[in-house]
Amino acid sequence: MKFDPEKISKIIQDNFSHLMPDFYEMQAEYLASLNSIYKDLDGCLITMLLTHDIYKDFLEKNRKNQESDFSVTSFYQKEPIKLSKNRFKIIKISKTLNLPRETVRRKVKKLSKDNLILVNQKEKFISLNTKMIDERLLRIQINNVSKFLSKFSIFFSRKKLFAREVDRETIRKEIENKFLIYLNFFLNFQIAYFSSWRKSIDMETIYVALLCSLNATSSIKKGLFNKHKYLDSDDIFYNIHKLHQSYGLSATTISEISGIPRATVTRKLKLLKKLGVLRKDSFQRYSTANLQDSEFSKTVVYTNVKSTINNLGIFFGKCLEAYTVKL
């Protein structure tokens, strides 16, 4: 069954105030779990791309093979799934992720040294060392994505896009059964999302901004809940500084949530304030500024929010199609 990505994106855009807090929550929790594994957010980006390429290649070769196992257990195969070293080019990684080539070289070297990726120089292949990925953290990610997809599926069904609501447990089992298929969709979205932002700001700044966005949109959603009112993406963008009624976040709070050193968080907050994305109150708490007053917000932030909505439409379209197909 086919689903129109543009129709899905339009629903997300029109109901931005209701749906996007769940998205920002998923993104923040995803980065937290990755950071706990790799201790390096640029390294996380590179590993996302490597993982995507490995399993995309595997799916293309095995999708028609009825004996292939796409479940979560296949992620931890005794013999790692390999990718030709010729496919893993520094220049390709740099262009795809908007990372300087020298940064990519350093990060790949460190990932290899830390045994997180396996590089076989003799046989010229590269693979992900899944033994270094705690299965507990992978389960946390699956539960997080299941919660996210379930909340959106409920909303889509009420908008007559999807036949019925799908509960979180059903989606979790579906993801575990077709894990490598959903992983491909998920990583494709994440690479597009983070590489787009990475053109303008670094990964730690993106993480800090995500947490502030989560705080702001959650506050707005709570304020609108009893009014049964939903605002679209433009309503939020142009009025977020008025609609956000709760307290902002301090550098200490963000540091505790993200695991990023407080001194680094402080620098990132100052940068976002300078760019006109955040404002600071007298208690050293940061919340969303008037985005209309910021050239950075009007060009970079607005463009990326629209791009995210479009990419979410594609992501959900693929997930809904996969859900309707039985292995």
C-alpha atoms as a PDB file:
ATOM      1  CA  MET A   1       0.000   0.000   0.000  1.00  0.00           C
ATOM      2  CA  LYS A   2       1.349   3.444  -0.968  1.00  0.00           C
ATOM      3  CA  PHE A   3       1.181   6.568   1.197  1.00  0.00           C
ATOM      4  CA  ASP A   4       1.626  10.090  -0.151  1.00  0.00           C
ATOM      5  CA  PRO A   5       4.581  11.782   1.654  1.00  0.00           C
ATOM      6  CA  GLU A   6       3.267  15.248   0.779  1.00  0.00           C
ATOM      7  CA  LYS A   7      -0.080  14.514   2.428  1.00  0.00           C
ATOM      8  CA  ILE A   8       1.705  13.254   5.559  1.00  0.00           C
ATOM      9  CA  SER A   9       3.958  16.341   5.624  1.00  0.00           C
ATOM     10  CA  LYS A  10       0.896  18.604   5.317  1.00  0.00           C
ATOM     11  CA  ILE A  11      -0.678  16.957   8.376  1.00  0.00           C
ATOM     12  CA  ILE A  12       2.554  17.438  10.348  1.00  0.00           C
ATOM     13  CA  GLN A  13       2.857  21.053   9.201  1.00  0.00           C
ATOM     14  CA  ASP A  14      -0.751  21.908  10.081  1.00  0.00           C
ATOM     15  CA  ASN A  15      -0.504  20.237  13.514  1.00  0.00           C
ATOM     16  CA  PHE A  16       3.062  21.250  14.332  1.00  0.00           C
ATOM     17  CA  SER A  17       2.328  22.338  17.912  1.00  0.00           C
ATOM     18  CA  HIS A  18       0.853  18.937  18.773  1.00  0.00           C
ATOM     19  CA  LEU A  19       3.247  16.593  16.963  1.00  0.00           C
ATOM     20  CA  MET A  20       6.703  18.140  17.059  1.00  0.00           C
ATOM     21  CA  PRO A  21       7.371  17.897  20.824  1.00  0.00           C
ATOM     22  CA  ASP A  22       7.343  14.106  20.344  1.00  0.00           C
ATOM     23  CA  PHE A  23       9.802  14.495  17.484  1.00  0.00           C
ATOM     24  CA  TYR A  24      12.213  16.651  19.515  1.00  0.00           C
ATOM     25  CA  GLU A  25      11.956  14.203  22.399  1.00  0.00           C
ATOM     26  CA  MET A  26      12.894  11.325  20.104  1.00  0.00           C
ATOM     27  CA  GLN A  27      15.847  13.255  18.655  1.00  0.00           C
ATOM     28  CA  ALA A  28      17.177  14.257  22.062  1.00  0.00           C
ATOM     29  CA  GLU A  29      16.916  10.696  23.405  1.00  0.00           C
ATOM     30  CA  TYR A  30      18.507   9.304  20.240  1.00  0.00           C
ATOM     31  CA  LEU A  31      21.516  11.614  20.555  1.00  0.00           C
ATOM     32  CA  ALA A  32      21.820  10.787  24.266  1.00  0.00           C
ATOM     33  CA  SER A  33      21.989   7.042  23.530  1.00  0.00           C
ATOM     34  CA  LEU A  34      24.515   7.534  20.705  1.00  0.00           C
ATOM     35  CA  ASN A  35      26.671   9.829  22.794  1.00  0.00           C
ATOM     36  CA  SER A  36      26.799   7.213  25.552  1.00  0.00           C
ATOM     37  CA  ILE A  37      28.250   4.717  23.029  1.00  0.00           C
ATOM     38  CA  TYR A  38      30.616   6.838  20.958  1.00  0.00           C
ATOM     39  CA  LYS A  39      31.399   9.775  23.310  1.00  0.00           C
ATOM     40  CA  ASP A  40      31.696  11.975  20.218  1.00  0.00           C
ATOM     41  CA  LEU A  41      28.792  13.470  18.271  1.00  0.00           C
ATOM     42  CA  ASP A  42      30.698  13.908  14.993  1.00  0.00           C
ATOM     43  CA  GLY A  43      31.818  10.295  15.394  1.00  0.00           C
ATOM     44  CA  CYS A  44      28.135   9.384  15.830  1.00  0.00           C
ATOM     45  CA  LEU A  45      27.333  11.012  12.488  1.00  0.00           C
ATOM     46  CA  ILE A  46      30.047   9.045  10.695  1.00  0.00           C
ATOM     47  CA  THR A  47      28.876   5.810  12.309  1.00  0.00           C
ATOM     48  CA  MET A  48      25.281   6.571  11.256  1.00  0.00           C
ATOM     49  CA  LEU A  49      26.425   6.843   7.641  1.00  0.00           C
ATOM     50  CA  LEU A  50      28.554   3.695   7.833  1.00  0.00           C
ATOM     51  CA  THR A  51      25.701   1.731   9.449  1.00  0.00           C
ATOM     52  CA  HIS A  52      23.246   2.994   6.843  1.00  0.00           C
ATOM     53  CA  ASP A  53      25.515   2.031   3.942  1.00  0.00           C
ATOM     54  CA  ILE A  54      26.257  -1.431   5.373  1.00  0.00           C
ATOM     55  CA  TYR A  55      22.625  -2.402   5.929  1.00  0.00           C
ATOM     56  CA  LYS A  56      21.306  -0.681   2.805  1.00  0.00           C
ATOM     57  CA  ASP A  57      23.777  -2.775   0.799  1.00  0.00           C
ATOM     58  CA  PHE A  58      22.698  -5.899   2.716  1.00  0.00           C
ATOM     59  CA  LEU A  59      18.993  -5.205   2.093  1.00  0.00           C
ATOM     60  CA  GLU A  60      19.502  -4.619  -1.620  1.00  0.00           C
ATOM     61  CA  LYS A  61      21.247  -7.979  -1.915  1.00  0.00           C
ATOM     62  CA  ASN A  62      18.828  -9.953   0.269  1.00  0.00           C
ATOM     63  CA  ARG A  63      15.378  -8.337   0.051  1.00  0.00           C
ATOM     64  CA  LYS A  64      14.073 -11.010  -2.350  1.00  0.00           C
ATOM     65  CA  ASN A  65      15.658 -13.842  -0.398  1.00  0.00           C
ATOM     66  CA  GLN A  66      12.840 -15.336   1.687  1.00  0.00           C
ATOM     67  CA  GLU A  67      15.325 -16.953   4.064  1.00  0.00           C
ATOM     68  CA  SER A  68      16.935 -13.625   5.024  1.00  0.00           C
ATOM     69  CA  ASP A  69      16.573 -12.508   8.622  1.00  0.00           C
ATOM     70  CA  PHE A  70      15.883  -8.779   9.007  1.00  0.00           C
ATOM     71  CA  SER A  71      15.055  -8.957  12.733  1.00  0.00           C
ATOM     72  CA  VAL A  72      16.920  -7.183  15.514  1.00  0.00           C
ATOM     73  CA  THR A  73      18.846 -10.368  16.343  1.00  0.00           C
ATOM     74  CA  SER A  74      20.429 -10.249  12.878  1.00  0.00           C
ATOM     75  CA  PHE A  75      22.102  -6.982  13.869  1.00  0.00           C
ATOM     76  CA  TYR A  76      24.341  -8.997  16.201  1.00  0.00           C
ATOM     77  CA  GLN A  77      25.407 -11.693  13.740  1.00  0.00           C
ATOM     78  CA  LYS A  78      28.535 -13.674  14.652  1.00  0.00           C
ATOM     79  CA  GLU A  79      30.028 -12.766  11.302  1.00  0.00           C
ATOM     80  CA  PRO A  80      29.680  -8.984  10.855  1.00  0.00           C
ATOM     81  CA  ILE A  81      28.021  -7.666   7.721  1.00  0.00           C
ATOM     82  CA  LYS A  82      30.756  -6.123   5.608  1.00  0.00           C
ATOM     83  CA  LEU A  83      30.976  -3.199   3.220  1.00  0.00           C
ATOM     84  CA  SER A  84      33.645  -2.871   0.550  1.00  0.00           C
ATOM     85  CA  LYS A  85      36.323  -0.442   1.750  1.00  0.00           C
ATOM     86  CA  ASN A  86      36.117   1.204  -1.664  1.00  0.00           C
ATOM     87  CA  ARG A  87      32.581   2.343  -0.784  1.00  0.00           C
ATOM     88  CA  PHE A  88      33.777   4.111   2.372  1.00  0.00           C
ATOM     89  CA  LYS A  89      35.492   7.210   0.960  1.00  0.00           C
ATOM     90  CA  ILE A  90      36.585  10.160   3.091  1.00  0.00           C
ATOM     91  CA  ILE A  91      35.459  12.651   0.432  1.00  0.00           C
ATOM     92  CA  LYS A  92      31.987  11.046   0.232  1.00  0.00           C
ATOM     93  CA  ILE A  93      31.559  11.133   4.020  1.00  0.00           C
ATOM     94  CA  SER A  94      32.722  14.753   4.115  1.00  0.00           C
ATOM     95  CA  LYS A  95      30.256  15.889   1.431  1.00  0.00           C
ATOM     96  CA  THR A  96      27.324  13.854   2.748  1.00  0.00           C
ATOM     97  CA  LEU A  97      27.688  14.935   6.380  1.00  0.00           C
ATOM     98  CA  ASN A  98      29.078  18.453   5.810  1.00  0.00           C
ATOM     99  CA  LEU A  99      32.158  17.641   7.879  1.00  0.00           C
ATOM    100  CA  PRO A 100      35.673  18.860   6.971  1.00  0.00           C
ATOM    101  CA  ARG A 101      37.765  16.088   5.419  1.00  0.00           C
ATOM    102  CA  GLU A 102      40.445  16.338   8.093  1.00  0.00           C
ATOM    103  CA  THR A 103      37.779  15.992  10.796  1.00  0.00           C
ATOM    104  CA  VAL A 104      36.465  12.853   9.071  1.00  0.00           C
ATOM    105  CA  ARG A 105      39.974  11.356   8.875  1.00  0.00           C
ATOM    106  CA  ARG A 106      40.559  11.977  12.587  1.00  0.00           C
ATOM    107  CA  LYS A 107      37.183  10.591  13.623  1.00  0.00           C
ATOM    108  CA  VAL A 108      37.456   7.456  11.461  1.00  0.00           C
ATOM    109  CA  LYS A 109      40.931   6.816  12.879  1.00  0.00           C
ATOM    110  CA  LYS A 110      39.613   7.206  16.435  1.00  0.00           C
ATOM    111  CA  LEU A 111      36.561   4.998  15.794  1.00  0.00           C
ATOM    112  CA  SER A 112      38.875   2.318  14.422  1.00  0.00           C
ATOM    113  CA  LYS A 113      41.310   2.692  17.326  1.00  0.00           C
ATOM    114  CA  ASP A 114      38.440   2.389  19.806  1.00  0.00           C
ATOM    115  CA  ASN A 115      37.357  -0.793  17.996  1.00  0.00           C
ATOM    116  CA  LEU A 116      33.946   0.661  17.186  1.00  0.00           C
ATOM    117  CA  ILE A 117      34.449   0.115  13.479  1.00  0.00           C
ATOM    118  CA  LEU A 118      36.517  -2.735  12.033  1.00  0.00           C
ATOM    119  CA  VAL A 119      38.772  -2.048   9.067  1.00  0.00           C
ATOM    120  CA  ASN A 120      40.355  -5.020   7.295  1.00  0.00           C
ATOM    121  CA  GLN A 121      43.196  -3.581   5.200  1.00  0.00           C
ATOM    122  CA  LYS A 122      44.133  -6.935   3.670  1.00  0.00           C
ATOM    123  CA  GLU A 123      40.663  -7.926   2.438  1.00  0.00           C
ATOM    124  CA  LYS A 124      39.620  -4.285   1.937  1.00  0.00           C
ATOM    125  CA  PHE A 125      36.342  -4.279   3.827  1.00  0.00           C
ATOM    126  CA  ILE A 126      34.921  -2.282   6.706  1.00  0.00           C
ATOM    127  CA  SER A 127      32.232  -3.247   9.208  1.00  0.00           C
ATOM    128  CA  LEU A 128      30.467  -2.057  12.327  1.00  0.00           C
ATOM    129  CA  ASN A 129      31.593  -3.724  15.554  1.00  0.00           C
ATOM    130  CA  THR A 130      28.139  -4.502  16.937  1.00  0.00           C
ATOM    131  CA  LYS A 131      29.728  -6.192  19.963  1.00  0.00           C
ATOM    132  CA  MET A 132      30.597  -2.716  21.220  1.00  0.00           C
ATOM    133  CA  ILE A 133      26.944  -1.616  21.093  1.00  0.00           C
ATOM    134  CA  ASP A 134      25.141  -2.474  24.300  1.00  0.00           C
ATOM    135  CA  GLU A 135      21.924  -4.285  23.380  1.00  0.00           C
ATOM    136  CA  ARG A 136      20.202  -2.493  26.264  1.00  0.00           C
ATOM    137  CA  LEU A 137      20.852   0.855  24.548  1.00  0.00           C
ATOM    138  CA  LEU A 138      19.588  -0.522  21.254  1.00  0.00           C
ATOM    139  CA  ARG A 139      16.379  -1.617  23.000  1.00  0.00           C
ATOM    140  CA  ILE A 140      16.039   1.891  24.448  1.00  0.00           C
ATOM    141  CA  GLN A 141      16.281   3.315  20.929  1.00  0.00           C
ATOM    142  CA  ILE A 142      13.697   0.841  19.624  1.00  0.00           C
ATOM    143  CA  ASN A 143      11.300   1.711  22.458  1.00  0.00           C
ATOM    144  CA  ASN A 144      11.862   5.414  21.838  1.00  0.00           C
ATOM    145  CA  VAL A 145      11.137   5.138  18.106  1.00  0.00           C
ATOM    146  CA  SER A 146       8.135   2.869  18.821  1.00  0.00           C
ATOM    147  CA  LYS A 147       6.671   5.495  21.132  1.00  0.00           C
ATOM    148  CA  PHE A 148       7.225   8.177  18.503  1.00  0.00           C
ATOM    149  CA  LEU A 149       5.699   6.176  15.638  1.00  0.00           C
ATOM    150  CA  SER A 150       2.744   5.110  17.779  1.00  0.00           C
ATOM    151  CA  LYS A 151       1.845   8.683  18.751  1.00  0.00           C
ATOM    152  CA  PHE A 152       2.009   9.816  15.134  1.00  0.00           C
ATOM    153  CA  SER A 153       0.076   6.775  13.850  1.00  0.00           C
ATOM    154  CA  ILE A 154      -2.772   7.550  16.265  1.00  0.00           C
ATOM    155  CA  PHE A 155      -2.933  11.092  14.933  1.00  0.00           C
ATOM    156  CA  PHE A 156      -2.728   9.952  11.301  1.00  0.00           C
ATOM    157  CA  SER A 157      -5.570   7.471  11.803  1.00  0.00           C
ATOM    158  CA  ARG A 158      -7.760  10.241  13.220  1.00  0.00           C
ATOM    159  CA  LYS A 159      -6.978  12.287  10.114  1.00  0.00           C
ATOM    160  CA  LYS A 160      -8.152   9.318   7.984  1.00  0.00           C
ATOM    161  CA  LEU A 161      -4.654   8.760   6.566  1.00  0.00           C
ATOM    162  CA  PHE A 162      -4.186   5.353   8.143  1.00  0.00           C
ATOM    163  CA  ALA A 163      -6.929   2.766   8.670  1.00  0.00           C
ATOM    164  CA  ARG A 164      -6.438   2.193  12.392  1.00  0.00           C
ATOM    165  CA  GLU A 165      -4.459   3.288  15.407  1.00  0.00           C
ATOM    166  CA  VAL A 166      -1.421   1.129  16.174  1.00  0.00           C
ATOM    167  CA  ASP A 167      -0.336   0.830  19.781  1.00  0.00           C
ATOM    168  CA  ARG A 168       3.249   1.160  20.945  1.00  0.00           C
ATOM    169  CA  GLU A 169       3.738  -2.543  21.747  1.00  0.00           C
ATOM    170  CA  THR A 170       2.543  -3.629  18.307  1.00  0.00           C
ATOM    171  CA  ILE A 171       4.936  -1.195  16.631  1.00  0.00           C
ATOM    172  CA  ARG A 172       7.812  -2.321  18.864  1.00  0.00           C
ATOM    173  CA  LYS A 173       7.289  -5.944  17.798  1.00  0.00           C
ATOM    174  CA  GLU A 174       7.013  -4.848  14.157  1.00  0.00           C
ATOM    175  CA  ILE A 175      10.320  -2.947  14.365  1.00  0.00           C
ATOM    176  CA  GLU A 176      12.066  -5.867  16.060  1.00  0.00           C
ATOM    177  CA  ASN A 177      10.824  -8.244  13.344  1.00  0.00           C
ATOM    178  CA  LYS A 178      11.839  -5.952  10.436  1.00  0.00           C
ATOM    179  CA  PHE A 179      14.616  -4.137  12.256  1.00  0.00           C
ATOM    180  CA  LEU A 180      17.096  -3.773   9.382  1.00  0.00           C
ATOM    181  CA  ILE A 181      14.355  -2.413   7.097  1.00  0.00           C
ATOM    182  CA  TYR A 182      13.206   0.225   9.595  1.00  0.00           C
ATOM    183  CA  LEU A 183      16.817   0.971  10.543  1.00  0.00           C
ATOM    184  CA  ASN A 184      17.502   1.897   6.921  1.00  0.00           C
ATOM    185  CA  PHE A 185      14.529   4.310   6.848  1.00  0.00           C
ATOM    186  CA  PHE A 186      15.438   5.791  10.230  1.00  0.00           C
ATOM    187  CA  LEU A 187      19.121   6.375   9.453  1.00  0.00           C
ATOM    188  CA  ASN A 188      18.293   7.818   6.049  1.00  0.00           C
ATOM    189  CA  PHE A 189      16.134  10.408   7.799  1.00  0.00           C
ATOM    190  CA  GLN A 190      18.676  11.104  10.552  1.00  0.00           C
ATOM    191  CA  ILE A 191      21.564  11.599   8.127  1.00  0.00           C
ATOM    192  CA  ALA A 192      19.492  14.097   6.118  1.00  0.00           C
ATOM    193  CA  TYR A 193      18.387  15.883   9.312  1.00  0.00           C
ATOM    194  CA  PHE A 194      21.765  16.275  11.003  1.00  0.00           C
ATOM    195  CA  SER A 195      23.814  16.921   7.854  1.00  0.00           C
ATOM    196  CA  SER A 196      21.429  19.737   6.922  1.00  0.00           C
ATOM    197  CA  TRP A 197      21.916  21.440  10.291  1.00  0.00           C
ATOM    198  CA  ARG A 198      25.633  20.619  10.215  1.00  0.00           C
ATOM    199  CA  LYS A 199      26.098  23.067   7.326  1.00  0.00           C
ATOM    200  CA  SER A 200      25.638  25.915   9.793  1.00  0.00           C
ATOM    201  CA  ILE A 201      26.361  24.709  13.340  1.00  0.00           C
ATOM    202  CA  ASP A 202      28.271  21.872  15.025  1.00  0.00           C
ATOM    203  CA  MET A 203      26.684  18.758  16.521  1.00  0.00           C
ATOM    204  CA  GLU A 204      26.931  19.898  20.145  1.00  0.00           C
ATOM    205  CA  THR A 205      25.151  23.148  19.271  1.00  0.00           C
ATOM    206  CA  ILE A 206      22.481  21.134  17.425  1.00  0.00           C
ATOM    207  CA  TYR A 207      21.983  18.989  20.549  1.00  0.00           C
ATOM    208  CA  VAL A 208      21.668  22.051  22.810  1.00  0.00           C
ATOM    209  CA  ALA A 209      19.210  23.663  20.380  1.00  0.00           C
ATOM    210  CA  LEU A 210      17.167  20.436  20.247  1.00  0.00           C
ATOM    211  CA  LEU A 211      16.767  20.400  24.032  1.00  0.00           C
ATOM    212  CA  CYS A 212      15.670  24.042  24.018  1.00  0.00           C
ATOM    213  CA  SER A 213      13.218  23.303  21.184  1.00  0.00           C
ATOM    214  CA  LEU A 214      11.813  20.374  23.155  1.00  0.00           C
ATOM    215  CA  ASN A 215      11.338  22.568  26.211  1.00  0.00           C
ATOM    216  CA  ALA A 216       9.648  25.332  24.204  1.00  0.00           C
ATOM    217  CA  THR A 217       7.301  23.159  22.103  1.00  0.00           C
ATOM    218  CA  SER A 218       6.325  20.983  25.088  1.00  0.00           C
ATOM    219  CA  SER A 219       5.346  24.144  26.964  1.00  0.00           C
ATOM    220  CA  ILE A 220       3.283  25.371  24.005  1.00  0.00           C
ATOM    221  CA  LYS A 221       1.558  21.996  23.567  1.00  0.00           C
ATOM    222  CA  LYS A 222       0.648  21.928  27.258  1.00  0.00           C
ATOM    223  CA  GLY A 223      -0.749  25.471  27.071  1.00  0.00           C
ATOM    224  CA  LEU A 224      -2.916  24.613  24.059  1.00  0.00           C
ATOM    225  CA  PHE A 225      -4.065  21.200  25.273  1.00  0.00           C
ATOM    226  CA  ASN A 226      -7.192  22.310  27.140  1.00  0.00           C
ATOM    227  CA  LYS A 227      -8.150  24.611  24.269  1.00  0.00           C
ATOM    228  CA  HIS A 228      -8.024  21.690  21.796  1.00  0.00           C
ATOM    229  CA  LYS A 229      -6.111  24.028  19.512  1.00  0.00           C
ATOM    230  CA  TYR A 230      -3.319  23.074  17.098  1.00  0.00           C
ATOM    231  CA  LEU A 231      -0.949  25.581  15.489  1.00  0.00           C
ATOM    232  CA  ASP A 232       0.913  25.118  12.224  1.00  0.00           C
ATOM    233  CA  SER A 233       4.671  25.480  11.721  1.00  0.00           C
ATOM    234  CA  ASP A 234       4.451  29.140  10.670  1.00  0.00           C
ATOM    235  CA  ASP A 235       2.304  30.010  13.709  1.00  0.00           C
ATOM    236  CA  ILE A 236       4.974  28.497  15.937  1.00  0.00           C
ATOM    237  CA  PHE A 237       7.929  30.021  14.113  1.00  0.00           C
ATOM    238  CA  TYR A 238       6.587  33.568  14.157  1.00  0.00           C
ATOM    239  CA  ASN A 239       5.096  33.469  17.660  1.00  0.00           C
ATOM    240  CA  ILE A 240       7.156  30.962  19.646  1.00  0.00           C
ATOM    241  CA  HIS A 241       8.649  33.639  21.914  1.00  0.00           C
ATOM    242  CA  LYS A 242       5.112  34.682  22.979  1.00  0.00           C
ATOM    243  CA  LEU A 243       3.621  31.189  23.199  1.00  0.00           C
ATOM    244  CA  HIS A 244       6.424  29.656  25.280  1.00  0.00           C
ATOM    245  CA  GLN A 245       5.279  30.358  28.852  1.00  0.00           C
ATOM    246  CA  SER A 246       7.475  28.017  30.925  1.00  0.00           C
ATOM    247  CA  TYR A 247      10.944  28.679  32.289  1.00  0.00           C
ATOM    248  CA  GLY A 248      13.939  28.294  30.030  1.00  0.00           C
ATOM    249  CA  LEU A 249      16.807  25.863  30.566  1.00  0.00           C
ATOM    250  CA  SER A 250      20.046  26.606  32.375  1.00  0.00           C
ATOM    251  CA  ALA A 251      23.501  25.498  31.209  1.00  0.00           C
ATOM    252  CA  THR A 252      23.667  23.131  34.200  1.00  0.00           C
ATOM    253  CA  THR A 253      20.373  21.441  33.314  1.00  0.00           C
ATOM    254  CA  ILE A 254      21.353  21.013  29.669  1.00  0.00           C
ATOM    255  CA  SER A 255      24.743  19.621  30.677  1.00  0.00           C
ATOM    256  CA  GLU A 256      23.144  17.074  33.025  1.00  0.00           C
ATOM    257  CA  ILE A 257      20.665  15.939  30.342  1.00  0.00           C
ATOM    258  CA  SER A 258      23.106  15.813  27.426  1.00  0.00           C
ATOM    259  CA  GLY A 259      26.314  14.728  29.099  1.00  0.00           C
ATOM    260  CA  ILE A 260      28.115  17.630  27.387  1.00  0.00           C
ATOM    261  CA  PRO A 261      30.499  19.486  29.771  1.00  0.00           C
ATOM    262  CA  ARG A 262      28.898  22.583  31.289  1.00  0.00           C
ATOM    263  CA  ALA A 263      31.619  24.898  29.953  1.00  0.00           C
ATOM    264  CA  THR A 264      30.955  23.626  26.427  1.00  0.00           C
ATOM    265  CA  VAL A 265      27.187  24.013  26.863  1.00  0.00           C
ATOM    266  CA  THR A 266      27.699  27.603  28.021  1.00  0.00           C
ATOM    267  CA  ARG A 267      29.675  28.387  24.847  1.00  0.00           C
ATOM    268  CA  LYS A 268      26.997  26.826  22.648  1.00  0.00           C
ATOM    269  CA  LEU A 269      24.231  28.746  24.419  1.00  0.00           C
ATOM    270  CA  LYS A 270      26.118  32.017  23.901  1.00  0.00           C
ATOM    271  CA  LEU A 271      26.489  31.183  20.216  1.00  0.00           C
ATOM    272  CA  LEU A 272      22.757  30.467  19.838  1.00  0.00           C
ATOM    273  CA  LYS A 273      21.988  33.713  21.655  1.00  0.00           C
ATOM    274  CA  LYS A 274      24.335  35.600  19.335  1.00  0.00           C
ATOM    275  CA  LEU A 275      22.612  34.015  16.320  1.00  0.00           C
ATOM    276  CA  GLY A 276      19.265  35.232  17.683  1.00  0.00           C
ATOM    277  CA  VAL A 277      17.826  31.778  18.306  1.00  0.00           C
ATOM    278  CA  LEU A 278      17.796  31.979  22.119  1.00  0.00           C
ATOM    279  CA  ARG A 279      17.326  34.666  24.738  1.00  0.00           C
ATOM    280  CA  LYS A 280      18.583  34.688  28.322  1.00  0.00           C
ATOM    281  CA  ASP A 281      16.614  35.803  31.376  1.00  0.00           C
ATOM    282  CA  SER A 282      17.913  37.321  34.606  1.00  0.00           C
ATOM    283  CA  PHE A 283      18.210  33.831  36.153  1.00  0.00           C
ATOM    284  CA  GLN A 284      20.624  32.637  33.412  1.00  0.00           C
ATOM    285  CA  ARG A 285      17.949  30.463  31.789  1.00  0.00           C
ATOM    286  CA  TYR A 286      17.688  30.201  28.011  1.00  0.00           C
ATOM    287  CA  SER A 287      14.475  30.083  25.989  1.00  0.00           C
ATOM    288  CA  THR A 288      13.515  30.723  22.368  1.00  0.00           C
ATOM    289  CA  ALA A 289      13.936  34.291  21.152  1.00  0.00           C
ATOM    290  CA  ASN A 290      11.800  36.208  18.657  1.00  0.00           C
ATOM    291  CA  LEU A 291      12.916  34.328  15.553  1.00  0.00           C
ATOM    292  CA  GLN A 292      11.656  37.077  13.253  1.00  0.00           C
ATOM    293  CA  ASP A 293      14.435  39.333  14.530  1.00  0.00           C
ATOM    294  CA  SER A 294      17.191  36.914  13.540  1.00  0.00           C
ATOM    295  CA  GLU A 295      18.552  36.566  10.013  1.00  0.00           C
ATOM    296  CA  PHE A 296      19.962  33.160  10.942  1.00  0.00           C
ATOM    297  CA  SER A 297      16.529  32.003  12.108  1.00  0.00           C
ATOM    298  CA  LYS A 298      14.736  33.330   9.038  1.00  0.00           C
ATOM    299  CA  THR A 299      17.143  31.594   6.673  1.00  0.00           C
ATOM    300  CA  VAL A 300      18.710  28.560   8.379  1.00  0.00           C
ATOM    301  CA  VAL A 301      16.166  27.638  11.095  1.00  0.00           C
ATOM    302  CA  TYR A 302      13.030  28.211   9.017  1.00  0.00           C
ATOM    303  CA  THR A 303      14.464  26.345   6.008  1.00  0.00           C
ATOM    304  CA  ASN A 304      15.548  23.389   8.134  1.00  0.00           C
ATOM    305  CA  VAL A 305      12.191  23.133   9.914  1.00  0.00           C
ATOM    306  CA  LYS A 306      10.420  22.973   6.533  1.00  0.00           C
ATOM    307  CA  SER A 307      12.951  20.418   5.298  1.00  0.00           C
ATOM    308  CA  THR A 308      12.427  18.317   8.447  1.00  0.00           C
ATOM    309  CA  ILE A 309       8.660  18.279   7.911  1.00  0.00           C
ATOM    310  CA  ASN A 310       9.125  17.138   4.306  1.00  0.00           C
ATOM    311  CA  ASN A 311      11.621  14.437   5.300  1.00  0.00           C
ATOM    312  CA  LEU A 312       9.313  13.220   8.069  1.00  0.00           C
ATOM    313  CA  GLY A 313       6.607  12.797   5.434  1.00  0.00           C
ATOM    314  CA  ILE A 314       8.952  10.556   3.440  1.00  0.00           C
ATOM    315  CA  PHE A 315      10.042   8.657   6.567  1.00  0.00           C
ATOM    316  CA  PHE A 316       6.489   7.971   7.748  1.00  0.00           C
ATOM    317  CA  GLY A 317       5.376   7.048   4.232  1.00  0.00           C
ATOM    318  CA  LYS A 318       8.071   4.351   4.055  1.00  0.00           C
ATOM    319  CA  CYS A 319       7.312   3.110   7.592  1.00  0.00           C
ATOM    320  CA  LEU A 320       3.577   2.852   6.910  1.00  0.00           C
ATOM    321  CA  GLU A 321       4.228   1.007   3.647  1.00  0.00           C
ATOM    322  CA  ALA A 322       6.600  -1.417   5.396  1.00  0.00           C
ATOM    323  CA  TYR A 323       3.987  -2.024   8.106  1.00  0.00           C
ATOM    324  CA  THR A 324       1.420  -3.101   5.521  1.00  0.00           C
ATOM    325  CA  VAL A 325       3.818  -5.637   3.940  1.00  0.00           C
ATOM    326  CA  LYS A 326       4.217  -9.019   5.614  1.00  0.00           C
ATOM    327  CA  LEU A 327       7.573 -10.776   5.407  1.00  0.00           C
END
